Each structure stands twice: as structure tokens, then as C-alpha cells.
Amino acid sequence: MSVLQDPSATVLDFPEPPRKRRRRYALILVSLAILALAGLLAFLLFSPALALKELEVRGNSLVPTEEVNAALAPLVGVPLTQISDDRVRDLLKDKAPIEDISVAAEPPSKLLVSITERTPVAIVQDTNGYVLLDSAGRQLGSVAGRDAVQLPLIDGGTAAVDSDVFPALAAVLAELPAGVLARLDHASASSPDSIQLSLSGDQKIFWGSAERNAAKARVLTALLAMPPADPPVKEFDVSTPDRPVTR
């Protein structure tokens, strides 16, 4: 009688090969690691322990911090891991002075919002006071008085933004170093080729067209750094930056 036919026969189990056993253990460990990671991710994404409670705003001067906090109020209570730059940027998109933002989470409950603001290059007068403009003509906010900022005044009020000469005038102002821009009192142009600037102290600058702005800015900066002449210079002509003229 064969073993297969004898019910009392003993069947021996051969031990599992070590390689197969190691593979099975490895699969179990990987599965446990995946489950643990999924649990950790779920905790980080949804845990109230990481809910936003405190905002810190940096880099803003044109937009009050109170306005930023009010705009970002819907994020309070949201886990930090769910708050992205794009989400914050969308909540602040109606704040004209804000050019860009970046956010950094500081667990367990703090969010740092760093703001990059647009640079005002001029002001115009309207019925309520003076309005700050950037080089694209965006209205960045209001100031109460002419002396509140050291920026040139552009003729024509807020309607000047829509004029033919504004793009050329703004391009010139955007090229000037901050130290020169702060000394300007007035900016005007009857055409894109006849841009004129006025310094405090009644000195004039004839800029001409909005071409070779960088070269003209360098020449003007050098001229303004020279010792005072006798008699004083009344006009700097940098319309041809290779051959500047003083009068």
C-alpha cells in the first residue's frame, strides 16, 4: 500500500525556503509602513492640533496689517498643511499694492506671510488727496498730503494714467535710483519725446524721450553728485546721454 492510500501515514511539511520567508516578511513590513505613513499624512492634513491660530505678516507698508489679517480670516482654524501660497494669494488678490506673497508654516499653529509690494514711482492728485502710482499706472493707495511721500507729482490727476504720455513717463521714473526719485518734485510731458522733471529747489531736468533710460539715469546721477557750481545749475539736459548739457 502506498503512502497516499494509507490514512495512518504521516505527511512531513518541508520548511519554507528562507528566501521566500524573507520576501513575505518584507511585504508585511512594507504594508505596515504604508499604513503608518497614511495615518501620519491623515493626521498632518486634518489634525486640529495643526490648525492655524496665529498670523504674522511681514514686508507690507502700503497695505495695513489689519487689512491683511481680515482678508486671511477664513484660514483661521484650517490645518497649516492645507494652506498654500496660491490660497493666500487668492484671498489677497484685490489688494493692489501686493505684487506677490510667500507663506511658511511654523507648527503647531502659526503662519508667516511675507509680502512683496509694488513700488510707487509717482503721485497724482484727486478730489480726496493724492494717489500713489506704480510704473504700470496701478493705484496703490492714498496719502493725505503732498509732503507725505518723496515722489514726483504728475499733472492731470488720475486721468493722466490713460494719457498717451504716461507709459513713457512711468518708464523713466521706474528707471531712476531711489535717491534721485526722492529728490524729484514734479514730472510732466507734453509728448512722449519731451519728458521734463523738476527737482526740489527749482532745478529742471530735460529728459527727452523714454529711450536709453538706463544711460540717462546713470548720467543724471553722476551730474547730481558733482559739487555745486557757481552760478548754480538751473537745468540738466540728459536727452543725449553721451553729451549731457548743464545750463
C-alpha atoms as a PDB file:
ATOM      1  CA  MET A   1       0.000   0.000   0.000  1.00  0.00           C
ATOM      2  CA  SER A   2       1.324   3.414  -0.864  1.00  0.00           C
ATOM      3  CA  VAL A   3       1.525   6.390   1.462  1.00  0.00           C
ATOM      4  CA  LEU A   4      -1.280   8.019  -0.473  1.00  0.00           C
ATOM      5  CA  GLN A   5      -3.536   5.060   0.211  1.00  0.00           C
ATOM      6  CA  ASP A   6      -2.609   4.611   3.894  1.00  0.00           C
ATOM      7  CA  PRO A   7      -4.623   7.009   6.100  1.00  0.00           C
ATOM      8  CA  SER A   8      -2.340   6.409   9.046  1.00  0.00           C
ATOM      9  CA  ALA A   9       0.728   7.528   7.171  1.00  0.00           C
ATOM     10  CA  THR A  10       2.485  10.697   8.408  1.00  0.00           C
ATOM     11  CA  VAL A  11       2.969  13.614   5.935  1.00  0.00           C
ATOM     12  CA  LEU A  12       6.009  15.723   6.633  1.00  0.00           C
ATOM     13  CA  ASP A  13       5.948  19.503   5.882  1.00  0.00           C
ATOM     14  CA  PHE A  14       9.138  20.781   4.400  1.00  0.00           C
ATOM     15  CA  PRO A  15      10.335  24.057   5.933  1.00  0.00           C
ATOM     16  CA  GLU A  16       9.644  27.261   3.956  1.00  0.00           C
ATOM     17  CA  PRO A  17      12.670  28.364   1.962  1.00  0.00           C
ATOM     18  CA  PRO A  18      14.470  31.287   3.714  1.00  0.00           C
ATOM     19  CA  ARG A  19      14.257  33.440   0.604  1.00  0.00           C
ATOM     20  CA  LYS A  20      10.503  33.081   0.380  1.00  0.00           C
ATOM     21  CA  ARG A  21      10.152  33.721   4.120  1.00  0.00           C
ATOM     22  CA  ARG A  22      12.231  36.909   3.894  1.00  0.00           C
ATOM     23  CA  ARG A  23      10.130  38.113   0.979  1.00  0.00           C
ATOM     24  CA  ARG A  24       6.933  37.538   2.962  1.00  0.00           C
ATOM     25  CA  TYR A  25       8.307  39.416   5.982  1.00  0.00           C
ATOM     26  CA  ALA A  26       9.444  42.263   3.749  1.00  0.00           C
ATOM     27  CA  LEU A  27       5.957  42.566   2.219  1.00  0.00           C
ATOM     28  CA  ILE A  28       4.420  42.663   5.681  1.00  0.00           C
ATOM     29  CA  LEU A  29       6.841  45.365   6.819  1.00  0.00           C
ATOM     30  CA  VAL A  30       6.220  47.451   3.692  1.00  0.00           C
ATOM     31  CA  SER A  31       2.458  47.160   4.185  1.00  0.00           C
ATOM     32  CA  LEU A  32       2.774  48.245   7.815  1.00  0.00           C
ATOM     33  CA  ALA A  33       4.995  51.191   6.807  1.00  0.00           C
ATOM     34  CA  ILE A  34       2.478  52.305   4.173  1.00  0.00           C
ATOM     35  CA  LEU A  35      -0.345  52.144   6.708  1.00  0.00           C
ATOM     36  CA  ALA A  36       1.698  54.111   9.229  1.00  0.00           C
ATOM     37  CA  LEU A  37       2.597  56.732   6.618  1.00  0.00           C
ATOM     38  CA  ALA A  38      -1.028  57.041   5.537  1.00  0.00           C
ATOM     39  CA  GLY A  39      -2.028  57.534   9.149  1.00  0.00           C
ATOM     40  CA  LEU A  40       0.662  60.189   9.631  1.00  0.00           C
ATOM     41  CA  LEU A  41      -0.414  62.035   6.484  1.00  0.00           C
ATOM     42  CA  ALA A  42      -4.035  61.942   7.574  1.00  0.00           C
ATOM     43  CA  PHE A  43      -3.000  63.342  10.949  1.00  0.00           C
ATOM     44  CA  LEU A  44      -0.968  66.134   9.363  1.00  0.00           C
ATOM     45  CA  LEU A  45      -3.694  67.053   6.885  1.00  0.00           C
ATOM     46  CA  PHE A  46      -6.672  67.009   9.191  1.00  0.00           C
ATOM     47  CA  SER A  47      -5.428  67.227  12.759  1.00  0.00           C
ATOM     48  CA  PRO A  48      -6.863  70.155  14.752  1.00  0.00           C
ATOM     49  CA  ALA A  49      -3.516  70.258  16.557  1.00  0.00           C
ATOM     50  CA  LEU A  50      -2.055  71.965  13.475  1.00  0.00           C
ATOM     51  CA  ALA A  51      -4.942  74.386  12.943  1.00  0.00           C
ATOM     52  CA  LEU A  52      -3.959  77.980  12.173  1.00  0.00           C
ATOM     53  CA  LYS A  53      -4.320  80.264  15.176  1.00  0.00           C
ATOM     54  CA  GLU A  54      -1.719  82.994  14.621  1.00  0.00           C
ATOM     55  CA  LEU A  55      -0.732  85.078  11.575  1.00  0.00           C
ATOM     56  CA  GLU A  56       2.476  87.053  11.214  1.00  0.00           C
ATOM     57  CA  VAL A  57       2.679  89.470   8.281  1.00  0.00           C
ATOM     58  CA  ARG A  58       5.983  90.882   7.015  1.00  0.00           C
ATOM     59  CA  GLY A  59       7.114  93.152   4.192  1.00  0.00           C
ATOM     60  CA  ASN A  60       3.992  95.311   3.983  1.00  0.00           C
ATOM     61  CA  SER A  61       3.982  99.089   4.233  1.00  0.00           C
ATOM     62  CA  LEU A  62       1.282 100.158   1.777  1.00  0.00           C
ATOM     63  CA  VAL A  63      -1.308  97.610   2.921  1.00  0.00           C
ATOM     64  CA  PRO A  64      -2.085  97.775   6.650  1.00  0.00           C
ATOM     65  CA  THR A  65      -1.508  94.563   8.577  1.00  0.00           C
ATOM     66  CA  GLU A  66      -5.079  94.762   9.864  1.00  0.00           C
ATOM     67  CA  GLU A  67      -6.375  94.560   6.282  1.00  0.00           C
ATOM     68  CA  VAL A  68      -4.217  91.540   5.531  1.00  0.00           C
ATOM     69  CA  ASN A  69      -5.376  89.774   8.689  1.00  0.00           C
ATOM     70  CA  ALA A  70      -9.016  90.498   7.856  1.00  0.00           C
ATOM     71  CA  ALA A  71      -8.611  89.141   4.321  1.00  0.00           C
ATOM     72  CA  LEU A  72      -6.969  85.959   5.627  1.00  0.00           C
ATOM     73  CA  ALA A  73      -9.511  85.391   8.410  1.00  0.00           C
ATOM     74  CA  PRO A  74     -11.139  82.450   6.523  1.00  0.00           C
ATOM     75  CA  LEU A  75      -7.916  80.479   7.039  1.00  0.00           C
ATOM     76  CA  VAL A  76      -8.102  80.548  10.832  1.00  0.00           C
ATOM     77  CA  GLY A  77      -8.778  77.006  12.019  1.00  0.00           C
ATOM     78  CA  VAL A  78      -7.546  75.413   8.798  1.00  0.00           C
ATOM     79  CA  PRO A  79      -4.638  72.942   9.244  1.00  0.00           C
ATOM     80  CA  LEU A  80      -1.337  74.510   8.197  1.00  0.00           C
ATOM     81  CA  THR A  81      -0.691  71.668   5.761  1.00  0.00           C
ATOM     82  CA  GLN A  82      -3.733  72.705   3.725  1.00  0.00           C
ATOM     83  CA  ILE A  83      -2.688  76.355   3.313  1.00  0.00           C
ATOM     84  CA  SER A  84      -0.739  77.026   0.115  1.00  0.00           C
ATOM     85  CA  ASP A  85       0.779  80.153  -1.419  1.00  0.00           C
ATOM     86  CA  ASP A  86      -1.934  80.118  -4.077  1.00  0.00           C
ATOM     87  CA  ARG A  87      -4.708  80.008  -1.493  1.00  0.00           C
ATOM     88  CA  VAL A  88      -3.285  83.016   0.367  1.00  0.00           C
ATOM     89  CA  ARG A  89      -2.583  84.821  -2.905  1.00  0.00           C
ATOM     90  CA  ASP A  90      -6.208  84.355  -3.977  1.00  0.00           C
ATOM     91  CA  LEU A  91      -7.507  85.884  -0.733  1.00  0.00           C
ATOM     92  CA  LEU A  92      -5.258  88.935  -1.217  1.00  0.00           C
ATOM     93  CA  LYS A  93      -5.755  89.395  -4.965  1.00  0.00           C
ATOM     94  CA  ASP A  94      -7.858  92.556  -4.550  1.00  0.00           C
ATOM     95  CA  LYS A  95      -5.039  94.356  -2.682  1.00  0.00           C
ATOM     96  CA  ALA A  96      -3.457  96.424  -5.473  1.00  0.00           C
ATOM     97  CA  PRO A  97      -0.157  97.167  -3.686  1.00  0.00           C
ATOM     98  CA  ILE A  98       0.615  93.452  -3.265  1.00  0.00           C
ATOM     99  CA  GLU A  99       2.719  92.061  -6.098  1.00  0.00           C
ATOM    100  CA  ASP A 100       3.411  88.620  -4.640  1.00  0.00           C
ATOM    101  CA  ILE A 101       3.416  86.613  -1.416  1.00  0.00           C
ATOM    102  CA  SER A 102       5.039  83.565   0.084  1.00  0.00           C
ATOM    103  CA  VAL A 103       3.973  81.610   3.134  1.00  0.00           C
ATOM    104  CA  ALA A 104       5.840  79.498   5.667  1.00  0.00           C
ATOM    105  CA  ALA A 105       4.229  77.316   8.295  1.00  0.00           C
ATOM    106  CA  GLU A 106       5.594  77.425  11.824  1.00  0.00           C
ATOM    107  CA  PRO A 107       3.950  74.495  13.631  1.00  0.00           C
ATOM    108  CA  PRO A 108       1.940  73.948  15.570  1.00  0.00           C
ATOM    109  CA  SER A 109      -0.341  76.888  14.740  1.00  0.00           C
ATOM    110  CA  LYS A 110       1.484  79.877  13.193  1.00  0.00           C
ATOM    111  CA  LEU A 111       1.653  81.051   9.564  1.00  0.00           C
ATOM    112  CA  LEU A 112       4.222  83.560   8.351  1.00  0.00           C
ATOM    113  CA  VAL A 113       3.077  85.592   5.335  1.00  0.00           C
ATOM    114  CA  SER A 114       5.830  87.507   3.515  1.00  0.00           C
ATOM    115  CA  ILE A 115       4.547  90.217   1.178  1.00  0.00           C
ATOM    116  CA  THR A 116       6.295  91.788  -1.792  1.00  0.00           C
ATOM    117  CA  GLU A 117       4.719  95.131  -2.623  1.00  0.00           C
ATOM    118  CA  ARG A 118       4.759  97.071  -5.868  1.00  0.00           C
ATOM    119  CA  THR A 119       6.970 100.151  -5.907  1.00  0.00           C
ATOM    120  CA  PRO A 120       5.277 103.557  -6.179  1.00  0.00           C
ATOM    121  CA  VAL A 121       7.069 105.899  -8.590  1.00  0.00           C
ATOM    122  CA  ALA A 122       4.779 108.949  -8.611  1.00  0.00           C
ATOM    123  CA  ILE A 123       1.655 110.526  -7.190  1.00  0.00           C
ATOM    124  CA  VAL A 124      -1.321 112.246  -8.786  1.00  0.00           C
ATOM    125  CA  GLN A 125      -3.903 114.471  -7.181  1.00  0.00           C
ATOM    126  CA  ASP A 126      -7.583 113.627  -6.993  1.00  0.00           C
ATOM    127  CA  THR A 127     -10.539 115.079  -5.120  1.00  0.00           C
ATOM    128  CA  ASN A 128      -9.660 113.164  -1.925  1.00  0.00           C
ATOM    129  CA  GLY A 129      -5.956 113.890  -1.790  1.00  0.00           C
ATOM    130  CA  TYR A 130      -3.031 112.205  -3.511  1.00  0.00           C
ATOM    131  CA  VAL A 131      -2.838 108.754  -5.050  1.00  0.00           C
ATOM    132  CA  LEU A 132       0.279 106.578  -5.307  1.00  0.00           C
ATOM    133  CA  LEU A 133       1.006 105.066  -8.720  1.00  0.00           C
ATOM    134  CA  ASP A 134       3.398 102.337  -9.789  1.00  0.00           C
ATOM    135  CA  SER A 135       5.104 102.192 -13.195  1.00  0.00           C
ATOM    136  CA  ALA A 136       2.099 100.373 -14.696  1.00  0.00           C
ATOM    137  CA  GLY A 137      -0.328 103.072 -13.534  1.00  0.00           C
ATOM    138  CA  ARG A 138      -1.865 100.983 -10.766  1.00  0.00           C
ATOM    139  CA  GLN A 139      -3.335 102.977  -7.906  1.00  0.00           C
ATOM    140  CA  LEU A 140      -1.568 101.672  -4.820  1.00  0.00           C
ATOM    141  CA  GLY A 141      -3.275 103.770  -2.181  1.00  0.00           C
ATOM    142  CA  SER A 142      -3.792 107.307  -0.981  1.00  0.00           C
ATOM    143  CA  VAL A 143      -1.735 109.722   1.058  1.00  0.00           C
ATOM    144  CA  ALA A 144      -3.175 112.683   2.892  1.00  0.00           C
ATOM    145  CA  GLY A 145      -0.699 115.357   1.837  1.00  0.00           C
ATOM    146  CA  ARG A 146       1.831 116.209  -0.840  1.00  0.00           C
ATOM    147  CA  ASP A 147       4.680 116.027   1.650  1.00  0.00           C
ATOM    148  CA  ALA A 148       3.733 112.570   2.907  1.00  0.00           C
ATOM    149  CA  VAL A 149       5.961 110.887   0.306  1.00  0.00           C
ATOM    150  CA  GLN A 150       9.046 111.957  -1.624  1.00  0.00           C
ATOM    151  CA  LEU A 151       7.758 111.184  -5.105  1.00  0.00           C
ATOM    152  CA  PRO A 152       7.155 113.402  -8.146  1.00  0.00           C
ATOM    153  CA  LEU A 153       3.709 114.773  -8.821  1.00  0.00           C
ATOM    154  CA  ILE A 154       2.326 114.050 -12.304  1.00  0.00           C
ATOM    155  CA  ASP A 155      -0.013 116.578 -13.886  1.00  0.00           C
ATOM    156  CA  GLY A 156      -3.541 115.669 -14.909  1.00  0.00           C
ATOM    157  CA  GLY A 157      -4.862 113.796 -11.873  1.00  0.00           C
ATOM    158  CA  THR A 158      -5.830 110.137 -12.085  1.00  0.00           C
ATOM    159  CA  ALA A 159      -6.844 110.649 -15.731  1.00  0.00           C
ATOM    160  CA  ALA A 160      -3.158 111.066 -16.547  1.00  0.00           C
ATOM    161  CA  VAL A 161      -2.800 107.280 -16.338  1.00  0.00           C
ATOM    162  CA  ASP A 162      -4.840 106.942 -19.528  1.00  0.00           C
ATOM    163  CA  SER A 163      -2.878 109.557 -21.463  1.00  0.00           C
ATOM    164  CA  ASP A 164      -0.506 108.754 -24.330  1.00  0.00           C
ATOM    165  CA  VAL A 165       2.490 110.081 -22.438  1.00  0.00           C
ATOM    166  CA  PHE A 166       2.031 108.153 -19.190  1.00  0.00           C
ATOM    167  CA  PRO A 167       3.765 104.899 -20.278  1.00  0.00           C
ATOM    168  CA  ALA A 168       6.877 106.831 -21.337  1.00  0.00           C
ATOM    169  CA  LEU A 169       6.836 108.982 -18.204  1.00  0.00           C
ATOM    170  CA  ALA A 170       6.379 105.958 -15.949  1.00  0.00           C
ATOM    171  CA  ALA A 171       9.208 104.087 -17.659  1.00  0.00           C
ATOM    172  CA  VAL A 172      11.544 106.994 -16.917  1.00  0.00           C
ATOM    173  CA  LEU A 173      10.534 107.204 -13.263  1.00  0.00           C
ATOM    174  CA  ALA A 174      10.891 103.456 -12.816  1.00  0.00           C
ATOM    175  CA  GLU A 175      14.496 103.635 -14.042  1.00  0.00           C
ATOM    176  CA  LEU A 176      15.634 106.313 -11.620  1.00  0.00           C
ATOM    177  CA  PRO A 177      17.526 105.288  -8.463  1.00  0.00           C
ATOM    178  CA  ALA A 178      15.606 105.765  -5.227  1.00  0.00           C
ATOM    179  CA  GLY A 179      17.907 108.610  -4.158  1.00  0.00           C
ATOM    180  CA  VAL A 180      17.194 110.596  -7.327  1.00  0.00           C
ATOM    181  CA  LEU A 181      13.495 109.752  -7.306  1.00  0.00           C
ATOM    182  CA  ALA A 182      13.212 111.106  -3.775  1.00  0.00           C
ATOM    183  CA  ARG A 183      14.594 114.471  -4.932  1.00  0.00           C
ATOM    184  CA  LEU A 184      12.044 114.913  -7.712  1.00  0.00           C
ATOM    185  CA  ASP A 185       9.188 117.293  -7.145  1.00  0.00           C
ATOM    186  CA  HIS A 186       7.325 117.196 -10.429  1.00  0.00           C
ATOM    187  CA  ALA A 187       7.136 115.214 -13.674  1.00  0.00           C
ATOM    188  CA  SER A 188       5.424 116.257 -16.886  1.00  0.00           C
ATOM    189  CA  ALA A 189       5.432 115.706 -20.636  1.00  0.00           C
ATOM    190  CA  SER A 190       3.566 117.348 -23.498  1.00  0.00           C
ATOM    191  CA  SER A 191       4.518 114.385 -25.695  1.00  0.00           C
ATOM    192  CA  PRO A 192       6.420 111.090 -25.264  1.00  0.00           C
ATOM    193  CA  ASP A 193       9.536 112.828 -26.608  1.00  0.00           C
ATOM    194  CA  SER A 194       9.514 115.828 -24.266  1.00  0.00           C
ATOM    195  CA  ILE A 195       9.669 114.461 -20.756  1.00  0.00           C
ATOM    196  CA  GLN A 196      10.679 117.006 -18.146  1.00  0.00           C
ATOM    197  CA  LEU A 197      11.418 116.550 -14.471  1.00  0.00           C
ATOM    198  CA  SER A 198      11.721 119.106 -11.702  1.00  0.00           C
ATOM    199  CA  LEU A 199      13.923 118.793  -8.648  1.00  0.00           C
ATOM    200  CA  SER A 200      13.192 120.395  -5.337  1.00  0.00           C
ATOM    201  CA  GLY A 201      14.963 123.738  -5.417  1.00  0.00           C
ATOM    202  CA  ASP A 202      13.672 124.705  -8.869  1.00  0.00           C
ATOM    203  CA  GLN A 203      16.239 122.769 -10.880  1.00  0.00           C
ATOM    204  CA  LYS A 204      14.929 121.253 -14.107  1.00  0.00           C
ATOM    205  CA  ILE A 205      15.821 118.086 -15.987  1.00  0.00           C
ATOM    206  CA  PHE A 206      15.135 117.735 -19.681  1.00  0.00           C
ATOM    207  CA  TRP A 207      14.947 114.004 -20.331  1.00  0.00           C
ATOM    208  CA  GLY A 208      13.559 113.951 -23.841  1.00  0.00           C
ATOM    209  CA  SER A 209      12.190 110.578 -24.958  1.00  0.00           C
ATOM    210  CA  ALA A 210      11.941 107.372 -22.951  1.00  0.00           C
ATOM    211  CA  GLU A 211      14.848 105.847 -24.864  1.00  0.00           C
ATOM    212  CA  ARG A 212      18.185 104.874 -23.324  1.00  0.00           C
ATOM    213  CA  ASN A 213      16.669 105.410 -19.904  1.00  0.00           C
ATOM    214  CA  ALA A 214      19.343 103.442 -18.077  1.00  0.00           C
ATOM    215  CA  ALA A 215      22.162 105.503 -19.613  1.00  0.00           C
ATOM    216  CA  LYS A 216      20.350 108.762 -18.883  1.00  0.00           C
ATOM    217  CA  ALA A 217      19.754 107.712 -15.279  1.00  0.00           C
ATOM    218  CA  ARG A 218      23.466 106.986 -14.797  1.00  0.00           C
ATOM    219  CA  VAL A 219      24.465 110.332 -16.297  1.00  0.00           C
ATOM    220  CA  LEU A 220      21.924 112.245 -14.211  1.00  0.00           C
ATOM    221  CA  THR A 221      23.068 110.501 -11.028  1.00  0.00           C
ATOM    222  CA  ALA A 222      26.665 111.496 -11.775  1.00  0.00           C
ATOM    223  CA  LEU A 223      25.703 115.107 -12.532  1.00  0.00           C
ATOM    224  CA  LEU A 224      23.734 115.430  -9.310  1.00  0.00           C
ATOM    225  CA  ALA A 225      26.683 114.083  -7.328  1.00  0.00           C
ATOM    226  CA  MET A 226      29.024 116.840  -8.585  1.00  0.00           C
ATOM    227  CA  PRO A 227      29.887 119.766  -6.272  1.00  0.00           C
ATOM    228  CA  PRO A 228      27.548 122.774  -6.640  1.00  0.00           C
ATOM    229  CA  ALA A 229      28.511 125.105  -9.493  1.00  0.00           C
ATOM    230  CA  ASP A 230      28.755 128.863  -9.327  1.00  0.00           C
ATOM    231  CA  PRO A 231      26.398 130.097 -10.637  1.00  0.00           C
ATOM    232  CA  PRO A 232      24.098 127.171  -9.708  1.00  0.00           C
ATOM    233  CA  VAL A 233      22.902 124.844 -12.469  1.00  0.00           C
ATOM    234  CA  LYS A 234      19.299 125.526 -13.389  1.00  0.00           C
ATOM    235  CA  GLU A 235      18.808 122.737 -15.935  1.00  0.00           C
ATOM    236  CA  PHE A 236      20.333 119.319 -16.616  1.00  0.00           C
ATOM    237  CA  ASP A 237      19.831 118.137 -20.183  1.00  0.00           C
ATOM    238  CA  VAL A 238      20.365 114.372 -20.479  1.00  0.00           C
ATOM    239  CA  SER A 239      18.304 113.873 -23.622  1.00  0.00           C
ATOM    240  CA  THR A 240      21.548 112.818 -25.335  1.00  0.00           C
ATOM    241  CA  PRO A 241      23.318 110.905 -22.551  1.00  0.00           C
ATOM    242  CA  ASP A 242      26.636 110.801 -24.450  1.00  0.00           C
ATOM    243  CA  ARG A 243      26.719 114.612 -24.456  1.00  0.00           C
ATOM    244  CA  PRO A 244      24.876 115.920 -21.380  1.00  0.00           C
ATOM    245  CA  VAL A 245      24.479 119.665 -21.012  1.00  0.00           C
ATOM    246  CA  THR A 246      24.062 121.848 -17.952  1.00  0.00           C
ATOM    247  CA  ARG A 247      22.677 125.371 -18.083  1.00  0.00           C
END
